[in-house]
Amino acid sequence: MSNTYDWASRGACRTADPDTLFVQGAAQNRVKTMCMSCPVRTECLADALDNRIEFGVWGGMTERERRALLRRRPNVVSWRRLLETARAEHERVLEITEESAAPSRRAG
């Protein structure tokens, strides 16, 4: 079985100075841009939510944004399961959309 934190070694921030990830105010928006193209953004956010990490930008969300999300969804038992399921569903919808668009592209 793989380590729960294997995702961290693939993060866009893996070589960043940790002090740059734990900032306040407008500086958080700069950090969040690093997260937008991160291949493990979902895993990072789920870990922060499941473990109630209070500080820093994780998975593209600030501590304030994560607290608000936790308040809105108090009954979520596993954020990892919820976010992975949502990502899989999103990818499935994209595949279906691409498949349905493929015949129309060939017909043109």
N, C-alpha and C. Protein backbone atom coordinates (compact mmCIF):
# COMPACT_ATOMS: atom_id res chain seq x y z
N MET A 1 0.85 -1.19 0.00
CA MET A 1 0.00 0.00 0.00
C MET A 1 0.89 1.24 0.00
N SER A 2 0.52 2.24 -0.77
CA SER A 2 1.34 3.44 -0.87
C SER A 2 1.14 4.34 0.34
N ASN A 3 2.14 5.14 0.60
CA ASN A 3 2.11 6.07 1.70
C ASN A 3 1.04 7.13 1.44
N THR A 4 0.33 7.52 2.47
CA THR A 4 -0.72 8.52 2.35
C THR A 4 -0.20 9.84 1.80
N TYR A 5 1.08 10.15 2.06
CA TYR A 5 1.63 11.43 1.66
C TYR A 5 2.51 11.35 0.42
N ASP A 6 2.41 10.27 -0.37
CA ASP A 6 3.18 10.16 -1.61
C ASP A 6 2.91 11.34 -2.53
N TRP A 7 1.73 11.90 -2.45
CA TRP A 7 1.35 13.01 -3.32
C TRP A 7 2.25 14.23 -3.10
N ALA A 8 2.73 14.42 -1.89
CA ALA A 8 3.50 15.63 -1.56
C ALA A 8 4.77 15.76 -2.39
N SER A 9 5.36 14.65 -2.76
CA SER A 9 6.60 14.70 -3.55
C SER A 9 6.34 15.09 -5.00
N ARG A 10 5.07 15.15 -5.40
CA ARG A 10 4.72 15.55 -6.77
C ARG A 10 4.09 16.93 -6.83
N GLY A 11 4.02 17.61 -5.70
CA GLY A 11 3.39 18.92 -5.65
C GLY A 11 4.18 20.00 -6.36
N ALA A 12 3.47 20.96 -6.90
CA ALA A 12 4.12 22.10 -7.57
C ALA A 12 4.98 22.89 -6.60
N CYS A 13 4.67 22.80 -5.32
CA CYS A 13 5.40 23.56 -4.31
C CYS A 13 6.53 22.76 -3.65
N ARG A 14 6.80 21.57 -4.14
CA ARG A 14 7.75 20.68 -3.47
C ARG A 14 9.14 21.29 -3.28
N THR A 15 9.54 22.21 -4.15
CA THR A 15 10.87 22.80 -4.01
C THR A 15 10.81 24.23 -3.46
N ALA A 16 9.60 24.70 -3.18
CA ALA A 16 9.44 26.07 -2.67
C ALA A 16 9.88 26.16 -1.21
N ASP A 17 10.34 27.31 -0.84
CA ASP A 17 10.66 27.58 0.56
C ASP A 17 9.34 27.56 1.33
N PRO A 18 9.22 26.75 2.37
CA PRO A 18 7.96 26.68 3.12
C PRO A 18 7.46 28.03 3.61
N ASP A 19 8.38 28.96 3.89
CA ASP A 19 7.95 30.28 4.35
C ASP A 19 7.12 31.02 3.31
N THR A 20 7.29 30.68 2.03
CA THR A 20 6.50 31.33 0.99
C THR A 20 5.09 30.78 0.93
N LEU A 21 4.85 29.61 1.51
CA LEU A 21 3.53 28.98 1.47
C LEU A 21 2.67 29.36 2.67
N PHE A 22 3.28 29.88 3.70
CA PHE A 22 2.56 30.22 4.92
C PHE A 22 2.62 31.73 5.12
N VAL A 23 1.89 32.42 4.25
CA VAL A 23 1.86 33.88 4.24
C VAL A 23 0.45 34.35 4.54
N GLN A 24 0.28 35.64 4.68
CA GLN A 24 -1.03 36.20 4.97
C GLN A 24 -1.38 37.26 3.93
N GLY A 25 -2.66 37.61 3.92
CA GLY A 25 -3.14 38.69 3.07
C GLY A 25 -2.99 38.43 1.59
N ALA A 26 -2.67 39.49 0.85
CA ALA A 26 -2.58 39.42 -0.61
C ALA A 26 -1.53 38.43 -1.09
N ALA A 27 -0.52 38.17 -0.29
CA ALA A 27 0.53 37.22 -0.68
C ALA A 27 -0.05 35.82 -0.88
N GLN A 28 -1.16 35.53 -0.22
CA GLN A 28 -1.79 34.22 -0.39
C GLN A 28 -2.26 34.01 -1.83
N ASN A 29 -2.69 35.07 -2.49
CA ASN A 29 -3.14 34.95 -3.88
C ASN A 29 -2.00 34.53 -4.80
N ARG A 30 -0.81 35.00 -4.52
CA ARG A 30 0.36 34.58 -5.32
C ARG A 30 0.65 33.10 -5.11
N VAL A 31 0.51 32.65 -3.89
CA VAL A 31 0.74 31.23 -3.59
C VAL A 31 -0.34 30.38 -4.28
N LYS A 32 -1.57 30.84 -4.24
CA LYS A 32 -2.67 30.09 -4.84
C LYS A 32 -2.46 29.87 -6.34
N THR A 33 -1.78 30.78 -7.01
CA THR A 33 -1.54 30.60 -8.45
C THR A 33 -0.63 29.40 -8.70
N MET A 34 0.26 29.12 -7.77
CA MET A 34 1.12 27.95 -7.89
C MET A 34 0.26 26.67 -7.84
N CYS A 35 -0.79 26.70 -7.08
CA CYS A 35 -1.66 25.53 -6.89
C CYS A 35 -2.52 25.23 -8.12
N MET A 36 -2.82 26.24 -8.91
CA MET A 36 -3.78 26.06 -10.00
C MET A 36 -3.37 24.98 -11.00
N SER A 37 -2.10 24.82 -11.27
CA SER A 37 -1.67 23.82 -12.24
C SER A 37 -1.02 22.61 -11.56
N CYS A 38 -1.18 22.50 -10.26
CA CYS A 38 -0.54 21.42 -9.52
C CYS A 38 -1.24 20.08 -9.78
N PRO A 39 -0.47 19.03 -10.08
CA PRO A 39 -1.08 17.73 -10.37
C PRO A 39 -1.68 17.04 -9.14
N VAL A 40 -1.35 17.49 -7.94
CA VAL A 40 -1.88 16.85 -6.74
C VAL A 40 -2.69 17.82 -5.89
N ARG A 41 -3.28 18.78 -6.53
CA ARG A 41 -4.07 19.79 -5.83
C ARG A 41 -5.20 19.17 -5.01
N THR A 42 -5.89 18.20 -5.58
CA THR A 42 -7.01 17.55 -4.88
C THR A 42 -6.53 16.84 -3.62
N GLU A 43 -5.44 16.09 -3.74
CA GLU A 43 -4.91 15.35 -2.60
C GLU A 43 -4.46 16.31 -1.49
N CYS A 44 -3.84 17.40 -1.89
CA CYS A 44 -3.35 18.40 -0.95
C CYS A 44 -4.51 19.04 -0.19
N LEU A 45 -5.53 19.46 -0.92
CA LEU A 45 -6.69 20.08 -0.29
C LEU A 45 -7.40 19.10 0.62
N ALA A 46 -7.58 17.87 0.17
CA ALA A 46 -8.25 16.86 0.99
C ALA A 46 -7.49 16.63 2.29
N ASP A 47 -6.16 16.57 2.21
CA ASP A 47 -5.35 16.35 3.41
C ASP A 47 -5.53 17.51 4.39
N ALA A 48 -5.51 18.72 3.88
CA ALA A 48 -5.68 19.89 4.75
C ALA A 48 -7.06 19.91 5.40
N LEU A 49 -8.08 19.55 4.65
CA LEU A 49 -9.44 19.54 5.19
C LEU A 49 -9.64 18.39 6.18
N ASP A 50 -9.19 17.19 5.81
CA ASP A 50 -9.36 16.04 6.69
C ASP A 50 -8.60 16.19 8.00
N ASN A 51 -7.46 16.86 7.95
CA ASN A 51 -6.63 17.03 9.14
C ASN A 51 -6.79 18.39 9.81
N ARG A 52 -7.74 19.18 9.31
CA ARG A 52 -8.05 20.50 9.88
C ARG A 52 -6.79 21.34 10.04
N ILE A 53 -5.98 21.39 8.98
CA ILE A 53 -4.76 22.20 9.00
C ILE A 53 -5.17 23.67 9.00
N GLU A 54 -4.70 24.39 9.97
CA GLU A 54 -5.17 25.76 10.19
C GLU A 54 -4.42 26.83 9.43
N PHE A 55 -3.18 26.58 9.04
CA PHE A 55 -2.38 27.66 8.46
C PHE A 55 -1.87 27.30 7.07
N GLY A 56 -1.66 28.33 6.26
CA GLY A 56 -1.07 28.14 4.95
C GLY A 56 -2.09 27.93 3.85
N VAL A 57 -1.58 27.96 2.63
CA VAL A 57 -2.39 27.68 1.45
C VAL A 57 -2.18 26.20 1.11
N TRP A 58 -3.26 25.48 1.02
CA TRP A 58 -3.22 24.05 0.70
C TRP A 58 -4.25 23.78 -0.38
N GLY A 59 -3.82 23.14 -1.46
CA GLY A 59 -4.75 22.80 -2.52
C GLY A 59 -5.45 24.00 -3.14
N GLY A 60 -4.80 25.14 -3.08
CA GLY A 60 -5.37 26.34 -3.68
C GLY A 60 -6.36 27.08 -2.80
N MET A 61 -6.45 26.71 -1.54
CA MET A 61 -7.37 27.39 -0.63
C MET A 61 -6.63 27.91 0.59
N THR A 62 -7.01 29.11 1.01
CA THR A 62 -6.44 29.71 2.21
C THR A 62 -7.10 29.09 3.44
N GLU A 63 -6.55 29.38 4.61
CA GLU A 63 -7.15 28.86 5.83
C GLU A 63 -8.57 29.40 6.01
N ARG A 64 -8.80 30.63 5.64
CA ARG A 64 -10.15 31.22 5.76
C ARG A 64 -11.13 30.51 4.83
N GLU A 65 -10.70 30.24 3.61
CA GLU A 65 -11.56 29.53 2.65
C GLU A 65 -11.86 28.11 3.12
N ARG A 66 -10.85 27.45 3.68
CA ARG A 66 -11.07 26.08 4.17
C ARG A 66 -12.02 26.08 5.37
N ARG A 67 -11.85 27.02 6.28
CA ARG A 67 -12.77 27.10 7.43
C ARG A 67 -14.21 27.30 6.97
N ALA A 68 -14.40 28.17 5.99
CA ALA A 68 -15.75 28.42 5.47
C ALA A 68 -16.33 27.15 4.84
N LEU A 69 -15.51 26.43 4.10
CA LEU A 69 -15.96 25.19 3.48
C LEU A 69 -16.32 24.15 4.54
N LEU A 70 -15.51 24.03 5.56
CA LEU A 70 -15.81 23.09 6.65
C LEU A 70 -17.11 23.45 7.36
N ARG A 71 -17.36 24.74 7.52
CA ARG A 71 -18.63 25.16 8.15
C ARG A 71 -19.82 24.84 7.27
N ARG A 72 -19.65 25.03 5.95
CA ARG A 72 -20.76 24.77 5.02
C ARG A 72 -21.07 23.28 4.88
N ARG A 73 -20.06 22.44 5.08
CA ARG A 73 -20.24 20.99 4.88
C ARG A 73 -19.79 20.22 6.13
N PRO A 74 -20.45 20.41 7.26
CA PRO A 74 -20.00 19.79 8.51
C PRO A 74 -20.15 18.27 8.55
N ASN A 75 -20.96 17.72 7.68
CA ASN A 75 -21.22 16.28 7.72
C ASN A 75 -20.26 15.45 6.87
N VAL A 76 -19.32 16.09 6.19
CA VAL A 76 -18.38 15.33 5.36
C VAL A 76 -17.44 14.56 6.29
N VAL A 77 -17.40 13.24 6.09
CA VAL A 77 -16.56 12.39 6.91
C VAL A 77 -15.15 12.30 6.33
N SER A 78 -15.06 12.18 5.00
CA SER A 78 -13.76 12.08 4.34
C SER A 78 -13.73 13.02 3.14
N TRP A 79 -12.98 14.10 3.26
CA TRP A 79 -12.82 15.04 2.14
C TRP A 79 -12.06 14.38 1.02
N ARG A 80 -11.13 13.52 1.36
CA ARG A 80 -10.37 12.83 0.32
C ARG A 80 -11.31 12.02 -0.57
N ARG A 81 -12.18 11.24 0.04
CA ARG A 81 -13.13 10.43 -0.72
C ARG A 81 -14.06 11.32 -1.54
N LEU A 82 -14.58 12.37 -0.92
CA LEU A 82 -15.50 13.28 -1.62
C LEU A 82 -14.83 13.94 -2.82
N LEU A 83 -13.63 14.49 -2.62
CA LEU A 83 -12.95 15.19 -3.71
C LEU A 83 -12.48 14.25 -4.81
N GLU A 84 -12.02 13.06 -4.44
CA GLU A 84 -11.60 12.09 -5.46
C GLU A 84 -12.79 11.61 -6.28
N THR A 85 -13.92 11.42 -5.63
CA THR A 85 -15.14 11.02 -6.34
C THR A 85 -15.58 12.14 -7.28
N ALA A 86 -15.54 13.37 -6.82
CA ALA A 86 -15.92 14.51 -7.65
C ALA A 86 -14.99 14.65 -8.85
N ARG A 87 -13.68 14.45 -8.62
CA ARG A 87 -12.71 14.55 -9.72
C ARG A 87 -12.97 13.44 -10.74
N ALA A 88 -13.21 12.22 -10.29
CA ALA A 88 -13.48 11.10 -11.20
C ALA A 88 -14.74 11.37 -12.02
N GLU A 89 -15.76 11.91 -11.39
CA GLU A 89 -17.01 12.23 -12.10
C GLU A 89 -16.77 13.32 -13.14
N HIS A 90 -16.00 14.33 -12.77
CA HIS A 90 -15.67 15.42 -13.70
C HIS A 90 -14.92 14.87 -14.91
N GLU A 91 -13.95 14.01 -14.67
CA GLU A 91 -13.18 13.42 -15.76
C GLU A 91 -14.07 12.56 -16.66
N ARG A 92 -15.02 11.84 -16.05
CA ARG A 92 -15.95 11.01 -16.82
C ARG A 92 -16.83 11.90 -17.72
N VAL A 93 -17.31 13.01 -17.19
CA VAL A 93 -18.13 13.93 -17.97
C VAL A 93 -17.31 14.51 -19.12
N LEU A 94 -16.06 14.85 -18.87
CA LEU A 94 -15.20 15.36 -19.94
C LEU A 94 -15.01 14.33 -21.05
N GLU A 95 -14.80 13.08 -20.66
CA GLU A 95 -14.65 12.01 -21.66
C GLU A 95 -15.90 11.86 -22.51
N ILE A 96 -17.05 11.87 -21.86
CA ILE A 96 -18.33 11.74 -22.58
C ILE A 96 -18.51 12.92 -23.53
N THR A 97 -18.18 14.12 -23.06
CA THR A 97 -18.31 15.32 -23.89
C THR A 97 -17.39 15.23 -25.11
N GLU A 98 -16.16 14.79 -24.89
CA GLU A 98 -15.21 14.66 -26.00
C GLU A 98 -15.66 13.59 -26.99
N GLU A 99 -16.19 12.48 -26.48
CA GLU A 99 -16.66 11.40 -27.35
C GLU A 99 -17.85 11.86 -28.19
N SER A 100 -18.75 12.61 -27.59
CA SER A 100 -19.93 13.06 -28.33
C SER A 100 -19.57 14.15 -29.34
N ALA A 101 -18.51 14.90 -29.08
CA ALA A 101 -18.09 15.95 -30.01
C ALA A 101 -17.26 15.36 -31.16
N ALA A 102 -16.66 14.22 -30.97
CA ALA A 102 -15.79 13.64 -31.99
C ALA A 102 -16.50 13.39 -33.32
N PRO A 103 -17.69 12.79 -33.37
CA PRO A 103 -18.35 12.58 -34.67
C PRO A 103 -18.64 13.87 -35.42
N SER A 104 -19.02 14.92 -34.71
CA SER A 104 -19.33 16.18 -35.38
C SER A 104 -18.07 16.81 -35.98
N ARG A 105 -16.93 16.58 -35.35
CA ARG A 105 -15.68 17.10 -35.90
C ARG A 105 -15.31 16.37 -37.19
N ARG A 106 -15.56 15.06 -37.22
CA ARG A 106 -15.24 14.30 -38.42
C ARG A 106 -16.19 14.60 -39.57
N ALA A 107 -17.43 14.91 -39.24
CA ALA A 107 -18.43 15.16 -40.27
C ALA A 107 -18.17 16.47 -41.02
N GLY A 108 -17.54 17.42 -40.35
CA GLY A 108 -17.32 18.76 -40.90
C GLY A 108 -16.36 18.75 -41.99
